[in-house]
Amino acid sequence: MEGRVPYDDFPVVFLPPYESPPAWVPPHELGFNIRGGKASQLGIFISKVIPDSDAHRAGLQEGDQVLSVNDVDFQDIEHSKAVEILKTAREITMRVRYFPYNYQRQKERTVH
């Protein structure tokens, strides 16, 4: 065993705890952002659509009110729950309506 370094001479290294990967991560971004929710009392709205994304090609636009996603009513839903549904769905079927009046009211009421 000549030339070997005794174990006691190696530095001690602490590794971070193991974290399991998420159950499923969508392969791509949704292509849009939302704002609003139950706290705003005005609903969930599309606040940004990324150009050339699937959302853009599907015709979504800023100011669209999201009425439902995969048969889940979005008219009285918490923002965090809406995000969870959108990010974990493998396929998305949305009902929207262009409703810029309430979207503008919501933007005015947002506290920065």
C-alpha atoms as a PDB file:
ATOM      1  CA  MET A   1       0.000   0.000   0.000  1.00  0.00           C
ATOM      2  CA  GLU A   2       2.850   2.311  -0.686  1.00  0.00           C
ATOM      3  CA  GLY A   3       2.009   5.673  -2.206  1.00  0.00           C
ATOM      4  CA  ARG A   4      -1.586   5.687  -0.974  1.00  0.00           C
ATOM      5  CA  VAL A   5      -2.887   8.543   1.140  1.00  0.00           C
ATOM      6  CA  PRO A   6      -4.611   7.456   4.349  1.00  0.00           C
ATOM      7  CA  TYR A   7      -8.345   8.247   4.509  1.00  0.00           C
ATOM      8  CA  ASP A   8      -7.793  10.520   7.496  1.00  0.00           C
ATOM      9  CA  ASP A   9      -5.790  12.894   5.283  1.00  0.00           C
ATOM     10  CA  PHE A  10      -8.678  13.579   2.830  1.00  0.00           C
ATOM     11  CA  PRO A  11     -10.787  16.734   3.389  1.00  0.00           C
ATOM     12  CA  VAL A  12     -14.296  16.303   4.693  1.00  0.00           C
ATOM     13  CA  VAL A  13     -16.948  17.346   2.159  1.00  0.00           C
ATOM     14  CA  PHE A  14     -20.595  17.882   3.028  1.00  0.00           C
ATOM     15  CA  LEU A  15     -23.047  17.348   0.197  1.00  0.00           C
ATOM     16  CA  PRO A  16     -26.443  19.043   0.076  1.00  0.00           C
ATOM     17  CA  PRO A  17     -29.436  16.833   0.882  1.00  0.00           C
ATOM     18  CA  TYR A  18     -30.943  14.975  -2.056  1.00  0.00           C
ATOM     19  CA  GLU A  19     -34.076  16.509  -3.498  1.00  0.00           C
ATOM     20  CA  SER A  20     -36.381  14.448  -5.651  1.00  0.00           C
ATOM     21  CA  PRO A  21     -37.032  15.956  -9.084  1.00  0.00           C
ATOM     22  CA  PRO A  22     -40.546  17.272  -9.744  1.00  0.00           C
ATOM     23  CA  ALA A  23     -43.061  14.674 -10.889  1.00  0.00           C
ATOM     24  CA  TRP A  24     -43.421  16.257 -14.302  1.00  0.00           C
ATOM     25  CA  VAL A  25     -42.112  19.417 -15.898  1.00  0.00           C
ATOM     26  CA  PRO A  26     -43.730  20.688 -19.092  1.00  0.00           C
ATOM     27  CA  PRO A  27     -41.328  20.417 -22.034  1.00  0.00           C
ATOM     28  CA  HIS A  28     -41.775  24.072 -22.975  1.00  0.00           C
ATOM     29  CA  GLU A  29     -43.020  27.333 -21.608  1.00  0.00           C
ATOM     30  CA  LEU A  30     -46.695  28.179 -21.947  1.00  0.00           C
ATOM     31  CA  GLY A  31     -45.986  31.211 -24.069  1.00  0.00           C
ATOM     32  CA  PHE A  32     -48.083  33.571 -21.954  1.00  0.00           C
ATOM     33  CA  ASN A  33     -48.342  35.137 -18.507  1.00  0.00           C
ATOM     34  CA  ILE A  34     -51.429  35.688 -16.397  1.00  0.00           C
ATOM     35  CA  ARG A  35     -52.431  38.173 -13.751  1.00  0.00           C
ATOM     36  CA  GLY A  36     -55.371  38.541 -11.401  1.00  0.00           C
ATOM     37  CA  GLY A  37     -57.361  35.984  -9.519  1.00  0.00           C
ATOM     38  CA  LYS A  38     -59.873  35.774  -6.712  1.00  0.00           C
ATOM     39  CA  ALA A  39     -58.225  38.559  -4.688  1.00  0.00           C
ATOM     40  CA  SER A  40     -58.716  41.061  -7.514  1.00  0.00           C
ATOM     41  CA  GLN A  41     -62.398  40.099  -7.925  1.00  0.00           C
ATOM     42  CA  LEU A  42     -61.972  40.670 -11.664  1.00  0.00           C
ATOM     43  CA  GLY A  43     -60.777  37.268 -12.881  1.00  0.00           C
ATOM     44  CA  ILE A  44     -57.680  35.834 -14.533  1.00  0.00           C
ATOM     45  CA  PHE A  45     -56.327  37.689 -17.569  1.00  0.00           C
ATOM     46  CA  ILE A  46     -53.585  37.152 -20.114  1.00  0.00           C
ATOM     47  CA  SER A  47     -51.008  39.832 -19.315  1.00  0.00           C
ATOM     48  CA  LYS A  48     -48.346  38.942 -21.885  1.00  0.00           C
ATOM     49  CA  VAL A  49     -48.099  36.727 -24.955  1.00  0.00           C
ATOM     50  CA  ILE A  50     -44.660  35.743 -26.198  1.00  0.00           C
ATOM     51  CA  PRO A  51     -44.321  36.344 -29.957  1.00  0.00           C
ATOM     52  CA  ASP A  52     -44.092  33.190 -32.108  1.00  0.00           C
ATOM     53  CA  SER A  53     -45.153  30.966 -29.175  1.00  0.00           C
ATOM     54  CA  ASP A  54     -47.933  28.373 -29.303  1.00  0.00           C
ATOM     55  CA  ALA A  55     -50.128  30.817 -27.379  1.00  0.00           C
ATOM     56  CA  HIS A  56     -49.487  33.535 -29.976  1.00  0.00           C
ATOM     57  CA  ARG A  57     -50.241  31.164 -32.846  1.00  0.00           C
ATOM     58  CA  ALA A  58     -53.459  30.095 -31.084  1.00  0.00           C
ATOM     59  CA  GLY A  59     -54.596  33.731 -31.079  1.00  0.00           C
ATOM     60  CA  LEU A  60     -54.254  34.631 -27.394  1.00  0.00           C
ATOM     61  CA  GLN A  61     -53.752  38.321 -26.743  1.00  0.00           C
ATOM     62  CA  GLU A  62     -53.136  40.628 -23.812  1.00  0.00           C
ATOM     63  CA  GLY A  63     -56.463  41.443 -22.176  1.00  0.00           C
ATOM     64  CA  ASP A  64     -58.088  38.069 -22.837  1.00  0.00           C
ATOM     65  CA  GLN A  65     -60.004  36.887 -19.775  1.00  0.00           C
ATOM     66  CA  VAL A  66     -59.446  33.190 -19.064  1.00  0.00           C
ATOM     67  CA  LEU A  67     -62.889  31.726 -18.388  1.00  0.00           C
ATOM     68  CA  SER A  68     -61.855  28.075 -17.996  1.00  0.00           C
ATOM     69  CA  VAL A  69     -58.927  25.714 -18.478  1.00  0.00           C
ATOM     70  CA  ASN A  70     -59.562  22.009 -19.042  1.00  0.00           C
ATOM     71  CA  ASP A  71     -63.143  22.459 -17.766  1.00  0.00           C
ATOM     72  CA  VAL A  72     -61.984  24.153 -14.531  1.00  0.00           C
ATOM     73  CA  ASP A  73     -63.763  27.477 -13.951  1.00  0.00           C
ATOM     74  CA  PHE A  74     -61.208  30.316 -13.789  1.00  0.00           C
ATOM     75  CA  GLN A  75     -63.670  33.115 -13.042  1.00  0.00           C
ATOM     76  CA  ASP A  76     -63.284  32.827  -9.247  1.00  0.00           C
ATOM     77  CA  ILE A  77     -59.932  31.097  -8.712  1.00  0.00           C
ATOM     78  CA  GLU A  78     -56.836  32.006  -6.711  1.00  0.00           C
ATOM     79  CA  HIS A  79     -53.907  33.132  -8.876  1.00  0.00           C
ATOM     80  CA  SER A  80     -51.588  30.448  -7.444  1.00  0.00           C
ATOM     81  CA  LYS A  81     -54.110  27.698  -8.202  1.00  0.00           C
ATOM     82  CA  ALA A  82     -54.514  28.973 -11.776  1.00  0.00           C
ATOM     83  CA  VAL A  83     -50.731  28.919 -12.278  1.00  0.00           C
ATOM     84  CA  GLU A  84     -50.531  25.387 -10.845  1.00  0.00           C
ATOM     85  CA  ILE A  85     -53.220  24.119 -13.230  1.00  0.00           C
ATOM     86  CA  LEU A  86     -51.595  25.749 -16.246  1.00  0.00           C
ATOM     87  CA  LYS A  87     -48.077  24.551 -15.448  1.00  0.00           C
ATOM     88  CA  THR A  88     -48.976  20.949 -14.646  1.00  0.00           C
ATOM     89  CA  ALA A  89     -51.391  20.276 -17.510  1.00  0.00           C
ATOM     90  CA  ARG A  90     -50.042  18.122 -20.328  1.00  0.00           C
ATOM     91  CA  GLU A  91     -52.605  19.562 -22.731  1.00  0.00           C
ATOM     92  CA  ILE A  92     -54.558  22.772 -22.336  1.00  0.00           C
ATOM     93  CA  THR A  93     -58.038  23.590 -23.589  1.00  0.00           C
ATOM     94  CA  MET A  94     -58.945  27.177 -22.737  1.00  0.00           C
ATOM     95  CA  ARG A  95     -62.067  29.280 -23.049  1.00  0.00           C
ATOM     96  CA  VAL A  96     -61.234  32.980 -23.216  1.00  0.00           C
ATOM     97  CA  ARG A  97     -62.973  36.213 -24.095  1.00  0.00           C
ATOM     98  CA  TYR A  98     -61.415  39.497 -25.026  1.00  0.00           C
ATOM     99  CA  PHE A  99     -62.369  41.801 -22.168  1.00  0.00           C
ATOM    100  CA  PRO A 100     -59.897  44.710 -22.011  1.00  0.00           C
ATOM    101  CA  TYR A 101     -62.178  46.864 -19.816  1.00  0.00           C
ATOM    102  CA  ASN A 102     -61.768  44.694 -16.697  1.00  0.00           C
ATOM    103  CA  TYR A 103     -58.141  43.996 -17.579  1.00  0.00           C
ATOM    104  CA  GLN A 104     -57.400  47.741 -17.546  1.00  0.00           C
ATOM    105  CA  ARG A 105     -59.309  48.145 -14.263  1.00  0.00           C
ATOM    106  CA  GLN A 106     -57.243  45.331 -12.789  1.00  0.00           C
ATOM    107  CA  LYS A 107     -53.975  46.913 -13.903  1.00  0.00           C
ATOM    108  CA  GLU A 108     -55.039  50.222 -12.321  1.00  0.00           C
ATOM    109  CA  ARG A 109     -55.801  48.493  -8.988  1.00  0.00           C
ATOM    110  CA  THR A 110     -52.487  46.605  -8.877  1.00  0.00           C
ATOM    111  CA  VAL A 111     -50.218  47.837  -6.125  1.00  0.00           C
ATOM    112  CA  HIS A 112     -46.550  47.884  -7.137  1.00  0.00           C
END
